[in-house]
PDB file of N, CA and C in Angstrom:
ATOM      1  N   MET A   1     107.006 153.945 103.570  1.00  0.00           N
ATOM      2  CA  MET A   1     105.617 153.965 103.172  1.00  0.00           C
ATOM      3  C   MET A   1     104.931 152.780 103.843  1.00  0.00           C
ATOM      4  N   SER A   2     103.822 153.037 104.495  1.00  0.00           N
ATOM      5  CA  SER A   2     103.091 151.963 105.145  1.00  0.00           C
ATOM      6  C   SER A   2     102.018 151.426 104.223  1.00  0.00           C
ATOM      7  N   ASP A   3     101.431 150.280 104.596  1.00  0.00           N
ATOM      8  CA  ASP A   3     100.392 149.672 103.770  1.00  0.00           C
ATOM      9  C   ASP A   3      99.212 150.606 103.567  1.00  0.00           C
ATOM     10  N   SER A   4      98.887 151.394 104.581  1.00  0.00           N
ATOM     11  CA  SER A   4      97.672 152.203 104.518  1.00  0.00           C
ATOM     12  C   SER A   4      97.833 153.491 103.717  1.00  0.00           C
ATOM     13  N   ASP A   5      99.045 153.873 103.337  1.00  0.00           N
ATOM     14  CA  ASP A   5      99.184 155.164 102.651  1.00  0.00           C
ATOM     15  C   ASP A   5      99.311 155.059 101.136  1.00  0.00           C
ATOM     16  N   LEU A   6      99.205 153.865 100.587  1.00  0.00           N
ATOM     17  CA  LEU A   6      99.303 153.717  99.138  1.00  0.00           C
ATOM     18  C   LEU A   6      98.087 154.325  98.431  1.00  0.00           C
ATOM     19  N   MET A   7      96.892 154.016  98.913  1.00  0.00           N
ATOM     20  CA  MET A   7      95.667 154.560  98.316  1.00  0.00           C
ATOM     21  C   MET A   7      95.620 156.087  98.436  1.00  0.00           C
ATOM     22  N   PRO A   8      95.864 156.676  99.620  1.00  0.00           N
ATOM     23  CA  PRO A   8      95.855 158.141  99.701  1.00  0.00           C
ATOM     24  C   PRO A   8      96.920 158.804  98.817  1.00  0.00           C
ATOM     25  N   ARG A   9      98.052 158.147  98.641  1.00  0.00           N
ATOM     26  CA  ARG A   9      99.102 158.709  97.794  1.00  0.00           C
ATOM     27  C   ARG A   9      98.607 158.804  96.353  1.00  0.00           C
ATOM     28  N   PHE A  10      97.991 157.731  95.850  1.00  0.00           N
ATOM     29  CA  PHE A  10      97.469 157.764  94.484  1.00  0.00           C
ATOM     30  C   PHE A  10      96.291 158.725  94.363  1.00  0.00           C
ATOM     31  N   GLN A  11      95.478 158.859  95.401  1.00  0.00           N
ATOM     32  CA  GLN A  11      94.388 159.835  95.368  1.00  0.00           C
ATOM     33  C   GLN A  11      94.939 161.259  95.267  1.00  0.00           C
ATOM     34  N   ALA A  12      95.992 161.542  96.013  1.00  0.00           N
ATOM     35  CA  ALA A  12      96.630 162.861  95.947  1.00  0.00           C
ATOM     36  C   ALA A  12      97.243 163.097  94.568  1.00  0.00           C
ATOM     37  N   MET A  13      97.811 162.056  93.984  1.00  0.00           N
ATOM     38  CA  MET A  13      98.377 162.175  92.640  1.00  0.00           C
ATOM     39  C   MET A  13      97.273 162.469  91.627  1.00  0.00           C
ATOM     40  N   GLY A  14      96.129 161.805  91.778  1.00  0.00           N
ATOM     41  CA  GLY A  14      94.998 162.053  90.886  1.00  0.00           C
ATOM     42  C   GLY A  14      94.484 163.469  91.014  1.00  0.00           C
ATOM     43  N   ALA A  15      94.436 163.977  92.244  1.00  0.00           N
ATOM     44  CA  ALA A  15      93.993 165.358  92.463  1.00  0.00           C
ATOM     45  C   ALA A  15      94.986 166.348  91.868  1.00  0.00           C
ATOM     46  N   ALA A  16      96.268 166.013  91.914  1.00  0.00           N
ATOM     47  CA  ALA A  16      97.302 166.907  91.377  1.00  0.00           C
ATOM     48  C   ALA A  16      97.244 167.004  89.855  1.00  0.00           C
ATOM     49  N   LEU A  17      96.642 166.017  89.199  1.00  0.00           N
ATOM     50  CA  LEU A  17      96.518 166.081  87.741  1.00  0.00           C
ATOM     51  C   LEU A  17      95.761 167.330  87.296  1.00  0.00           C
ATOM     52  N   GLY A  18      94.753 167.733  88.070  1.00  0.00           N
ATOM     53  CA  GLY A  18      93.936 168.884  87.709  1.00  0.00           C
ATOM     54  C   GLY A  18      94.695 170.196  87.695  1.00  0.00           C
ATOM     55  N   SER A  19      95.774 170.276  88.443  1.00  0.00           N
ATOM     56  CA  SER A  19      96.535 171.520  88.513  1.00  0.00           C
ATOM     57  C   SER A  19      97.716 171.541  87.543  1.00  0.00           C
ATOM     58  N   ARG A  20      97.769 170.562  86.663  1.00  0.00           N
ATOM     59  CA  ARG A  20      98.857 170.480  85.693  1.00  0.00           C
ATOM     60  C   ARG A  20      98.274 170.464  84.278  1.00  0.00           C
ATOM     61  N   PRO A  21      98.088 171.647  83.671  1.00  0.00           N
ATOM     62  CA  PRO A  21      97.466 171.704  82.339  1.00  0.00           C
ATOM     63  C   PRO A  21      98.205 170.907  81.275  1.00  0.00           C
ATOM     64  N   HIS A  22      99.535 170.848  81.361  1.00  0.00           N
ATOM     65  CA  HIS A  22     100.269 170.090  80.343  1.00  0.00           C
ATOM     66  C   HIS A  22      99.949 168.592  80.433  1.00  0.00           C
ATOM     67  N   LEU A  23      99.656 168.092  81.649  1.00  0.00           N
ATOM     68  CA  LEU A  23      99.288 166.689  81.774  1.00  0.00           C
ATOM     69  C   LEU A  23      97.878 166.441  81.240  1.00  0.00           C
ATOM     70  N   ALA A  24      96.999 167.425  81.374  1.00  0.00           N
ATOM     71  CA  ALA A  24      95.655 167.292  80.789  1.00  0.00           C
ATOM     72  C   ALA A  24      95.765 167.174  79.272  1.00  0.00           C
ATOM     73  N   ARG A  25      96.664 167.934  78.695  1.00  0.00           N
ATOM     74  CA  ARG A  25      96.868 167.865  77.246  1.00  0.00           C
ATOM     75  C   ARG A  25      97.494 166.532  76.845  1.00  0.00           C
ATOM     76  N   LEU A  26      98.515 166.098  77.585  1.00  0.00           N
ATOM     77  CA  LEU A  26      99.180 164.830  77.267  1.00  0.00           C
ATOM     78  C   LEU A  26      98.247 163.633  77.440  1.00  0.00           C
ATOM     79  N   GLY A  27      97.368 163.692  78.426  1.00  0.00           N
ATOM     80  CA  GLY A  27      96.501 162.563  78.725  1.00  0.00           C
ATOM     81  C   GLY A  27      95.140 162.619  78.067  1.00  0.00           C
ATOM     82  N   ALA A  28      94.924 163.588  77.188  1.00  0.00           N
ATOM     83  CA  ALA A  28      93.600 163.778  76.581  1.00  0.00           C
ATOM     84  C   ALA A  28      93.091 162.537  75.867  1.00  0.00           C
ATOM     85  N   LEU A  29      93.972 161.693  75.377  1.00  0.00           N
ATOM     86  CA  LEU A  29      93.559 160.493  74.658  1.00  0.00           C
ATOM     87  C   LEU A  29      93.741 159.218  75.485  1.00  0.00           C
ATOM     88  N   PHE A  30      94.079 159.374  76.761  1.00  0.00           N
ATOM     89  CA  PHE A  30      94.344 158.205  77.607  1.00  0.00           C
ATOM     90  C   PHE A  30      93.119 157.881  78.457  1.00  0.00           C
ATOM     91  N   SER A  31      92.435 156.821  78.098  1.00  0.00           N
ATOM     92  CA  SER A  31      91.271 156.336  78.844  1.00  0.00           C
ATOM     93  C   SER A  31      91.426 154.827  79.009  1.00  0.00           C
ATOM     94  N   GLU A  32      92.086 154.429  80.070  1.00  0.00           N
ATOM     95  CA  GLU A  32      92.412 153.017  80.307  1.00  0.00           C
ATOM     96  C   GLU A  32      92.403 152.724  81.802  1.00  0.00           C
ATOM     97  N   THR A  33      92.406 151.437  82.116  1.00  0.00           N
ATOM     98  CA  THR A  33      92.596 150.988  83.495  1.00  0.00           C
ATOM     99  C   THR A  33      93.990 150.376  83.590  1.00  0.00           C
ATOM    100  N   VAL A  34      94.714 150.785  84.616  1.00  0.00           N
ATOM    101  CA  VAL A  34      96.092 150.352  84.828  1.00  0.00           C
ATOM    102  C   VAL A  34      96.162 149.654  86.185  1.00  0.00           C
ATOM    103  N   LEU A  35      96.842 148.536  86.224  1.00  0.00           N
ATOM    104  CA  LEU A  35      97.050 147.825  87.480  1.00  0.00           C
ATOM    105  C   LEU A  35      98.406 148.218  88.052  1.00  0.00           C
ATOM    106  N   ILE A  36      98.389 148.677  89.291  1.00  0.00           N
ATOM    107  CA  ILE A  36      99.627 148.937  90.031  1.00  0.00           C
ATOM    108  C   ILE A  36      99.656 147.935  91.172  1.00  0.00           C
ATOM    109  N   GLU A  37     100.689 147.114  91.193  1.00  0.00           N
ATOM    110  CA  GLU A  37     100.825 146.129  92.265  1.00  0.00           C
ATOM    111  C   GLU A  37     102.111 146.410  93.027  1.00  0.00           C
ATOM    112  N   VAL A  38     101.969 146.636  94.327  1.00  0.00           N
ATOM    113  CA  VAL A  38     103.110 146.935  95.177  1.00  0.00           C
ATOM    114  C   VAL A  38     103.139 145.883  96.285  1.00  0.00           C
ATOM    115  N   ASP A  39     104.136 145.026  96.244  1.00  0.00           N
ATOM    116  CA  ASP A  39     104.268 143.931  97.221  1.00  0.00           C
ATOM    117  C   ASP A  39     102.976 143.138  97.375  1.00  0.00           C
ATOM    118  N   GLY A  40     102.319 142.846  96.264  1.00  0.00           N
ATOM    119  CA  GLY A  40     101.100 142.049  96.293  1.00  0.00           C
ATOM    120  C   GLY A  40      99.824 142.837  96.510  1.00  0.00           C
ATOM    121  N   GLU A  41      99.919 144.099  96.909  1.00  0.00           N
ATOM    122  CA  GLU A  41      98.738 144.954  97.076  1.00  0.00           C
ATOM    123  C   GLU A  41      98.392 145.556  95.716  1.00  0.00           C
ATOM    124  N   GLU A  42      97.178 145.270  95.241  1.00  0.00           N
ATOM    125  CA  GLU A  42      96.771 145.703  93.913  1.00  0.00           C
ATOM    126  C   GLU A  42      95.848 146.913  93.984  1.00  0.00           C
ATOM    127  N   LEU A  43      96.109 147.867  93.087  1.00  0.00           N
ATOM    128  CA  LEU A  43      95.231 149.015  92.896  1.00  0.00           C
ATOM    129  C   LEU A  43      94.965 149.144  91.407  1.00  0.00           C
ATOM    130  N   TYR A  44      93.703 149.316  91.067  1.00  0.00           N
ATOM    131  CA  TYR A  44      93.300 149.493  89.673  1.00  0.00           C
ATOM    132  C   TYR A  44      92.980 150.963  89.474  1.00  0.00           C
ATOM    133  N   LEU A  45      93.798 151.648  88.690  1.00  0.00           N
ATOM    134  CA  LEU A  45      93.614 153.071  88.431  1.00  0.00           C
ATOM    135  C   LEU A  45      92.884 153.213  87.103  1.00  0.00           C
ATOM    136  N   THR A  46      91.713 153.816  87.126  1.00  0.00           N
ATOM    137  CA  THR A  46      90.934 154.002  85.912  1.00  0.00           C
ATOM    138  C   THR A  46      91.001 155.462  85.507  1.00  0.00           C
ATOM    139  N   PHE A  47      91.570 155.699  84.350  1.00  0.00           N
ATOM    140  CA  PHE A  47      91.721 157.040  83.792  1.00  0.00           C
ATOM    141  C   PHE A  47      90.682 157.250  82.698  1.00  0.00           C
ATOM    142  N   HIS A  48      90.183 158.471  82.604  1.00  0.00           N
ATOM    143  CA  HIS A  48      89.305 158.849  81.497  1.00  0.00           C
ATOM    144  C   HIS A  48      89.781 160.197  80.977  1.00  0.00           C
ATOM    145  N   ARG A  49      90.284 160.183  79.754  1.00  0.00           N
ATOM    146  CA  ARG A  49      90.822 161.384  79.118  1.00  0.00           C
ATOM    147  C   ARG A  49      91.830 162.105  80.009  1.00  0.00           C
ATOM    148  N   GLY A  50      92.713 161.321  80.602  1.00  0.00           N
ATOM    149  CA  GLY A  50      93.795 161.891  81.393  1.00  0.00           C
ATOM    150  C   GLY A  50      93.431 162.270  82.809  1.00  0.00           C
ATOM    151  N   THR A  51      92.224 161.971  83.233  1.00  0.00           N
ATOM    152  CA  THR A  51      91.789 162.243  84.603  1.00  0.00           C
ATOM    153  C   THR A  51      91.661 160.922  85.341  1.00  0.00           C
ATOM    154  N   LEU A  52      92.177 160.863  86.544  1.00  0.00           N
ATOM    155  CA  LEU A  52      92.048 159.652  87.347  1.00  0.00           C
ATOM    156  C   LEU A  52      90.643 159.629  87.935  1.00  0.00           C
ATOM    157  N   GLU A  53      89.801 158.742  87.410  1.00  0.00           N
ATOM    158  CA  GLU A  53      88.399 158.693  87.828  1.00  0.00           C
ATOM    159  C   GLU A  53      88.187 157.845  89.065  1.00  0.00           C
ATOM    160  N   THR A  54      88.747 156.636  89.076  1.00  0.00           N
ATOM    161  CA  THR A  54      88.548 155.757  90.228  1.00  0.00           C
ATOM    162  C   THR A  54      89.823 155.000  90.546  1.00  0.00           C
ATOM    163  N   ILE A  55      89.930 154.655  91.820  1.00  0.00           N
ATOM    164  CA  ILE A  55      90.988 153.764  92.295  1.00  0.00           C
ATOM    165  C   ILE A  55      90.270 152.635  93.016  1.00  0.00           C
ATOM    166  N   THR A  56      90.421 151.431  92.494  1.00  0.00           N
ATOM    167  CA  THR A  56      89.739 150.281  93.065  1.00  0.00           C
ATOM    168  C   THR A  56      90.771 149.338  93.664  1.00  0.00           C
ATOM    169  N   PRO A  57      90.649 149.046  94.962  1.00  0.00           N
ATOM    170  CA  PRO A  57      91.588 148.095  95.547  1.00  0.00           C
ATOM    171  C   PRO A  57      91.312 146.682  95.050  1.00  0.00           C
ATOM    172  N   GLY A  58      92.348 145.902  94.936  1.00  0.00           N
ATOM    173  CA  GLY A  58      92.216 144.518  94.495  1.00  0.00           C
ATOM    174  C   GLY A  58      92.528 143.594  95.646  1.00  0.00           C
ATOM    175  N   PRO A  59      92.742 142.355  95.379  1.00  0.00           N
ATOM    176  CA  PRO A  59      92.802 141.755  94.045  1.00  0.00           C
ATOM    177  C   PRO A  59      91.417 141.518  93.456  1.00  0.00           C
ATOM    178  N   SER A  60      91.378 141.519  92.135  1.00  0.00           N
ATOM    179  CA  SER A  60      90.141 141.262  91.420  1.00  0.00           C
ATOM    180  C   SER A  60      90.464 140.611  90.084  1.00  0.00           C
ATOM    181  N   ARG A  61      89.749 139.578  89.773  1.00  0.00           N
ATOM    182  CA  ARG A  61      89.900 138.949  88.462  1.00  0.00           C
ATOM    183  C   ARG A  61      88.847 139.489  87.498  1.00  0.00           C
ATOM    184  N   LYS A  62      87.976 140.363  87.985  1.00  0.00           N
ATOM    185  CA  LYS A  62      86.888 140.882  87.162  1.00  0.00           C
ATOM    186  C   LYS A  62      87.208 142.219  86.508  1.00  0.00           C
ATOM    187  N   ILE A  63      88.224 142.901  86.986  1.00  0.00           N
ATOM    188  CA  ILE A  63      88.556 144.220  86.446  1.00  0.00           C
ATOM    189  C   ILE A  63      89.597 144.061  85.337  1.00  0.00           C
ATOM    190  N   PRO A  64      89.226 144.366  84.098  1.00  0.00           N
ATOM    191  CA  PRO A  64      90.217 144.270  83.017  1.00  0.00           C
ATOM    192  C   PRO A  64      91.169 145.462  83.065  1.00  0.00           C
ATOM    193  N   TRP A  65      92.444 145.211  82.852  1.00  0.00           N
ATOM    194  CA  TRP A  65      93.436 146.281  82.825  1.00  0.00           C
ATOM    195  C   TRP A  65      94.223 146.203  81.529  1.00  0.00           C
ATOM    196  N   ARG A  66      94.750 147.350  81.113  1.00  0.00           N
ATOM    197  CA  ARG A  66      95.485 147.427  79.843  1.00  0.00           C
ATOM    198  C   ARG A  66      96.953 147.069  80.033  1.00  0.00           C
ATOM    199  N   PHE A  67      97.585 147.633  81.073  1.00  0.00           N
ATOM    200  CA  PHE A  67      98.958 147.252  81.406  1.00  0.00           C
ATOM    201  C   PHE A  67      99.133 147.326  82.905  1.00  0.00           C
ATOM    202  N   ALA A  68     100.169 146.662  83.384  1.00  0.00           N
ATOM    203  CA  ALA A  68     100.415 146.576  84.823  1.00  0.00           C
ATOM    204  C   ALA A  68     101.856 146.949  85.133  1.00  0.00           C
ATOM    205  N   ILE A  69     102.022 147.612  86.265  1.00  0.00           N
ATOM    206  CA  ILE A  69     103.342 147.884  86.826  1.00  0.00           C
ATOM    207  C   ILE A  69     103.379 147.127  88.154  1.00  0.00           C
ATOM    208  N   ARG A  70     104.289 146.192  88.270  1.00  0.00           N
ATOM    209  CA  ARG A  70     104.428 145.403  89.497  1.00  0.00           C
ATOM    210  C   ARG A  70     105.811 145.700  90.070  1.00  0.00           C
ATOM    211  N   VAL A  71     105.837 146.151  91.307  1.00  0.00           N
ATOM    212  CA  VAL A  71     107.089 146.631  91.887  1.00  0.00           C
ATOM    213  C   VAL A  71     107.083 146.350  93.389  1.00  0.00           C
ATOM    214  N   ASP A  72     108.263 146.275  93.975  1.00  0.00           N
ATOM    215  CA  ASP A  72     108.317 146.123  95.430  1.00  0.00           C
ATOM    216  C   ASP A  72     108.285 147.507  96.087  1.00  0.00           C
ATOM    217  N   ARG A  73     107.828 147.530  97.312  1.00  0.00           N
ATOM    218  CA  ARG A  73     107.603 148.795  98.022  1.00  0.00           C
ATOM    219  C   ARG A  73     108.877 149.609  98.202  1.00  0.00           C
ATOM    220  N   ALA A  74     109.983 148.963  98.497  1.00  0.00           N
ATOM    221  CA  ALA A  74     111.234 149.693  98.697  1.00  0.00           C
ATOM    222  C   ALA A  74     111.662 150.410  97.411  1.00  0.00           C
ATOM    223  N   ALA A  75     111.469 149.749  96.266  1.00  0.00           N
ATOM    224  CA  ALA A  75     111.826 150.377  94.987  1.00  0.00           C
ATOM    225  C   ALA A  75     110.909 151.558  94.707  1.00  0.00           C
ATOM    226  N   LEU A  76     109.620 151.424  95.015  1.00  0.00           N
ATOM    227  CA  LEU A  76     108.689 152.530  94.795  1.00  0.00           C
ATOM    228  C   LEU A  76     109.020 153.703  95.716  1.00  0.00           C
ATOM    229  N   ASP A  77     109.419 153.414  96.940  1.00  0.00           N
ATOM    230  CA  ASP A  77     109.856 154.484  97.851  1.00  0.00           C
ATOM    231  C   ASP A  77     111.052 155.234  97.267  1.00  0.00           C
ATOM    232  N   LYS A  78     111.994 154.498  96.689  1.00  0.00           N
ATOM    233  CA  LYS A  78     113.161 155.143  96.080  1.00  0.00           C
ATOM    234  C   LYS A  78     112.743 155.974  94.872  1.00  0.00           C
ATOM    235  N   PHE A  79     111.786 155.472  94.086  1.00  0.00           N
ATOM    236  CA  PHE A  79     111.280 156.207  92.927  1.00  0.00           C
ATOM    237  C   PHE A  79     110.608 157.506  93.367  1.00  0.00           C
ATOM    238  N   TRP A  80     109.857 157.455  94.478  1.00  0.00           N
ATOM    239  CA  TRP A  80     109.129 158.623  94.959  1.00  0.00           C
ATOM    240  C   TRP A  80     109.974 159.538  95.846  1.00  0.00           C
ATOM    241  N   ALA A  81     111.248 159.250  96.017  1.00  0.00           N
ATOM    242  CA  ALA A  81     112.115 160.162  96.770  1.00  0.00           C
ATOM    243  C   ALA A  81     112.189 161.490  96.023  1.00  0.00           C
ATOM    244  N   PRO A  82     112.338 162.617  96.747  1.00  0.00           N
ATOM    245  CA  PRO A  82     112.391 163.917  96.065  1.00  0.00           C
ATOM    246  C   PRO A  82     113.442 163.976  94.956  1.00  0.00           C
ATOM    247  N   ILE A  83     114.588 163.378  95.191  1.00  0.00           N
ATOM    248  CA  ILE A  83     115.614 163.246  94.162  1.00  0.00           C
ATOM    249  C   ILE A  83     115.981 161.759  94.125  1.00  0.00           C
ATOM    250  N   PRO A  84     115.372 160.998  93.187  1.00  0.00           N
ATOM    251  CA  PRO A  84     115.614 159.555  93.150  1.00  0.00           C
ATOM    252  C   PRO A  84     117.062 159.220  92.814  1.00  0.00           C
ATOM    253  N   GLU A  85     117.529 158.149  93.407  1.00  0.00           N
ATOM    254  CA  GLU A  85     118.887 157.711  93.097  1.00  0.00           C
ATOM    255  C   GLU A  85     118.927 157.074  91.714  1.00  0.00           C
ATOM    256  N   PRO A  86     120.106 156.971  91.118  1.00  0.00           N
ATOM    257  CA  PRO A  86     120.204 156.381  89.779  1.00  0.00           C
ATOM    258  C   PRO A  86     119.562 154.987  89.722  1.00  0.00           C
ATOM    259  N   GLY A  87     118.836 154.754  88.647  1.00  0.00           N
ATOM    260  CA  GLY A  87     118.144 153.482  88.474  1.00  0.00           C
ATOM    261  C   GLY A  87     116.715 153.498  88.975  1.00  0.00           C
ATOM    262  N   PHE A  88     116.356 154.538  89.742  1.00  0.00           N
ATOM    263  CA  PHE A  88     115.006 154.626  90.287  1.00  0.00           C
ATOM    264  C   PHE A  88     114.310 155.927  89.884  1.00  0.00           C
ATOM    265  N   HIS A  89     114.844 156.610  88.903  1.00  0.00           N
ATOM    266  CA  HIS A  89     114.278 157.875  88.457  1.00  0.00           C
ATOM    267  C   HIS A  89     113.186 157.682  87.408  1.00  0.00           C
ATOM    268  N   ASP A  90     112.987 156.433  86.936  1.00  0.00           N
ATOM    269  CA  ASP A  90     112.084 156.167  85.821  1.00  0.00           C
ATOM    270  C   ASP A  90     111.386 154.830  86.056  1.00  0.00           C
ATOM    271  N   ILE A  91     110.162 154.678  85.533  1.00  0.00           N
ATOM    272  CA  ILE A  91     109.450 153.415  85.740  1.00  0.00           C
ATOM    273  C   ILE A  91     110.162 152.242  85.077  1.00  0.00           C
ATOM    274  N   PHE A  92     110.901 152.488  84.004  1.00  0.00           N
ATOM    275  CA  PHE A  92     111.646 151.411  83.363  1.00  0.00           C
ATOM    276  C   PHE A  92     112.868 151.016  84.192  1.00  0.00           C
ATOM    277  N   GLY A  93     113.264 151.870  85.127  1.00  0.00           N
ATOM    278  CA  GLY A  93     114.347 151.529  86.034  1.00  0.00           C
ATOM    279  C   GLY A  93     113.992 150.351  86.921  1.00  0.00           C
ATOM    280  N   PHE A  94     112.692 150.200  87.250  1.00  0.00           N
ATOM    281  CA  PHE A  94     112.261 149.046  88.048  1.00  0.00           C
ATOM    282  C   PHE A  94     112.631 147.750  87.339  1.00  0.00           C
ATOM    283  N   VAL A  95     112.389 147.716  86.038  1.00  0.00           N
ATOM    284  CA  VAL A  95     112.671 146.517  85.257  1.00  0.00           C
ATOM    285  C   VAL A  95     114.176 146.327  85.119  1.00  0.00           C
ATOM    286  N   LYS A  96     114.870 147.404  84.810  1.00  0.00           N
ATOM    287  CA  LYS A  96     116.319 147.323  84.586  1.00  0.00           C
ATOM    288  C   LYS A  96     117.064 146.852  85.837  1.00  0.00           C
ATOM    289  N   THR A  97     116.600 147.293  87.011  1.00  0.00           N
ATOM    290  CA  THR A  97     117.256 146.894  88.256  1.00  0.00           C
ATOM    291  C   THR A  97     116.723 145.571  88.794  1.00  0.00           C
ATOM    292  N   GLY A  98     115.728 144.982  88.117  1.00  0.00           N
ATOM    293  CA  GLY A  98     115.163 143.719  88.565  1.00  0.00           C
ATOM    294  C   GLY A  98     114.199 143.857  89.724  1.00  0.00           C
ATOM    295  N   ARG A  99     113.733 145.058  89.989  1.00  0.00           N
ATOM    296  CA  ARG A  99     112.849 145.302  91.127  1.00  0.00           C
ATOM    297  C   ARG A  99     111.380 145.366  90.746  1.00  0.00           C
ATOM    298  N   GLY A 100     111.078 145.261  89.431  1.00  0.00           N
ATOM    299  CA  GLY A 100     109.689 145.332  89.009  1.00  0.00           C
ATOM    300  C   GLY A 100     109.489 144.748  87.627  1.00  0.00           C
ATOM    301  N   ARG A 101     108.209 144.678  87.237  1.00  0.00           N
ATOM    302  CA  ARG A 101     107.838 144.169  85.919  1.00  0.00           C
ATOM    303  C   ARG A 101     106.787 145.084  85.316  1.00  0.00           C
ATOM    304  N   ILE A 102     106.797 145.172  84.013  1.00  0.00           N
ATOM    305  CA  ILE A 102     105.750 145.861  83.272  1.00  0.00           C
ATOM    306  C   ILE A 102     105.134 144.814  82.366  1.00  0.00           C
ATOM    307  N   GLU A 103     103.818 144.632  82.479  1.00  0.00           N
ATOM    308  CA  GLU A 103     103.132 143.582  81.738  1.00  0.00           C
ATOM    309  C   GLU A 103     101.937 144.144  80.994  1.00  0.00           C
ATOM    310  N   GLY A 104     101.445 143.391  80.043  1.00  0.00           N
ATOM    311  CA  GLY A 104     100.226 143.761  79.333  1.00  0.00           C
ATOM    312  C   GLY A 104     100.514 144.437  78.012  1.00  0.00           C
ATOM    313  N   ASP A 105      99.649 145.375  77.659  1.00  0.00           N
ATOM    314  CA  ASP A 105      99.718 146.065  76.371  1.00  0.00           C
ATOM    315  C   ASP A 105     100.764 147.182  76.444  1.00  0.00           C
ATOM    316  N   ILE A 106     101.992 146.822  76.131  1.00  0.00           N
ATOM    317  CA  ILE A 106     103.101 147.774  76.209  1.00  0.00           C
ATOM    318  C   ILE A 106     102.922 148.899  75.200  1.00  0.00           C
ATOM    319  N   LEU A 107     102.293 148.620  74.068  1.00  0.00           N
ATOM    320  CA  LEU A 107     102.074 149.652  73.057  1.00  0.00           C
ATOM    321  C   LEU A 107     101.237 150.801  73.615  1.00  0.00           C
ATOM    322  N   THR A 108     100.207 150.483  74.394  1.00  0.00           N
ATOM    323  CA  THR A 108      99.396 151.535  75.014  1.00  0.00           C
ATOM    324  C   THR A 108     100.237 152.360  75.980  1.00  0.00           C
ATOM    325  N   LEU A 109     101.090 151.700  76.741  1.00  0.00           N
ATOM    326  CA  LEU A 109     101.988 152.421  77.646  1.00  0.00           C
ATOM    327  C   LEU A 109     102.909 153.339  76.858  1.00  0.00           C
ATOM    328  N   VAL A 110     103.513 152.826  75.806  1.00  0.00           N
ATOM    329  CA  VAL A 110     104.467 153.618  75.031  1.00  0.00           C
ATOM    330  C   VAL A 110     103.774 154.792  74.344  1.00  0.00           C
ATOM    331  N   LYS A 111     102.560 154.600  73.852  1.00  0.00           N
ATOM    332  CA  LYS A 111     101.822 155.693  73.214  1.00  0.00           C
ATOM    333  C   LYS A 111     101.526 156.822  74.196  1.00  0.00           C
ATOM    334  N   ASN A 112     101.417 156.489  75.469  1.00  0.00           N
ATOM    335  CA  ASN A 112     101.074 157.473  76.492  1.00  0.00           C
ATOM    336  C   ASN A 112     102.172 157.579  77.541  1.00  0.00           C
ATOM    337  N   LEU A 113     103.395 157.312  77.115  1.00  0.00           N
ATOM    338  CA  LEU A 113     104.508 157.182  78.044  1.00  0.00           C
ATOM    339  C   LEU A 113     104.763 158.447  78.853  1.00  0.00           C
ATOM    340  N   ARG A 114     104.838 159.567  78.185  1.00  0.00           N
ATOM    341  CA  ARG A 114     105.155 160.798  78.921  1.00  0.00           C
ATOM    342  C   ARG A 114     104.070 161.113  79.943  1.00  0.00           C
ATOM    343  N   PHE A 115     102.805 160.961  79.571  1.00  0.00           N
ATOM    344  CA  PHE A 115     101.718 161.203  80.520  1.00  0.00           C
ATOM    345  C   PHE A 115     101.843 160.282  81.727  1.00  0.00           C
ATOM    346  N   PHE A 116     102.015 158.977  81.486  1.00  0.00           N
ATOM    347  CA  PHE A 116     102.020 158.041  82.600  1.00  0.00           C
ATOM    348  C   PHE A 116     103.259 158.203  83.476  1.00  0.00           C
ATOM    349  N   LYS A 117     104.415 158.439  82.857  1.00  0.00           N
ATOM    350  CA  LYS A 117     105.627 158.640  83.653  1.00  0.00           C
ATOM    351  C   LYS A 117     105.505 159.892  84.517  1.00  0.00           C
ATOM    352  N   GLU A 118     104.947 160.962  83.950  1.00  0.00           N
ATOM    353  CA  GLU A 118     104.792 162.183  84.746  1.00  0.00           C
ATOM    354  C   GLU A 118     103.712 162.018  85.812  1.00  0.00           C
ATOM    355  N   PHE A 119     102.679 161.228  85.527  1.00  0.00           N
ATOM    356  CA  PHE A 119     101.683 160.937  86.553  1.00  0.00           C
ATOM    357  C   PHE A 119     102.352 160.203  87.724  1.00  0.00           C
ATOM    358  N   MET A 120     103.119 159.164  87.437  1.00  0.00           N
ATOM    359  CA  MET A 120     103.772 158.403  88.492  1.00  0.00           C
ATOM    360  C   MET A 120     104.739 159.276  89.287  1.00  0.00           C
ATOM    361  N   ALA A 121     105.383 160.212  88.627  1.00  0.00           N
ATOM    362  CA  ALA A 121     106.325 161.106  89.321  1.00  0.00           C
ATOM    363  C   ALA A 121     105.604 162.081  90.247  1.00  0.00           C
ATOM    364  N   LEU A 122     104.302 162.270  90.071  1.00  0.00           N
ATOM    365  CA  LEU A 122     103.557 163.138  90.992  1.00  0.00           C
ATOM    366  C   LEU A 122     103.604 162.631  92.417  1.00  0.00           C
ATOM    367  N   GLY A 123     103.888 161.350  92.603  1.00  0.00           N
ATOM    368  CA  GLY A 123     104.015 160.787  93.942  1.00  0.00           C
ATOM    369  C   GLY A 123     105.172 161.377  94.724  1.00  0.00           C
ATOM    370  N   ARG A 124     106.092 161.998  94.041  1.00  0.00           N
ATOM    371  CA  ARG A 124     107.229 162.638  94.732  1.00  0.00           C
ATOM    372  C   ARG A 124     106.785 163.852  95.501  1.00  0.00           C
ATOM    373  N   ALA A 125     105.744 164.511  95.030  1.00  0.00           N
ATOM    374  CA  ALA A 125     105.259 165.726  95.702  1.00  0.00           C
ATOM    375  C   ALA A 125     104.116 165.443  96.668  1.00  0.00           C
ATOM    376  N   ALA A 126     103.503 164.259  96.557  1.00  0.00           N
ATOM    377  CA  ALA A 126     102.316 163.947  97.384  1.00  0.00           C
ATOM    378  C   ALA A 126     102.720 163.728  98.839  1.00  0.00           C
TER     379      ALA A 126
END
């Protein structure tokens, strides 16, 4: 994955949300901004009722976020592989393998865990 394809990948994932009715149902109550940081490159994903409304490149100290996923690019590539290897099949695998961190309001993440995990897995098809 190159530096320039991170934004288009998340845009494609956001577009794919519309074709997945079960994700619309799961995300109906999810309206938050999430920070995704990959090797220092920050993207702020703003969701409204399970729809990805905007992706804002960072860094920014002005954009409030609810929780953050910070991961290295190689680990994210392994996560987005069509069949991820053990330890990279789940966002919590980043933390378990020491390749990433999850910060912020963990309760919000856990309340919307299935929606967010399935959203992140959409990168496998993008």
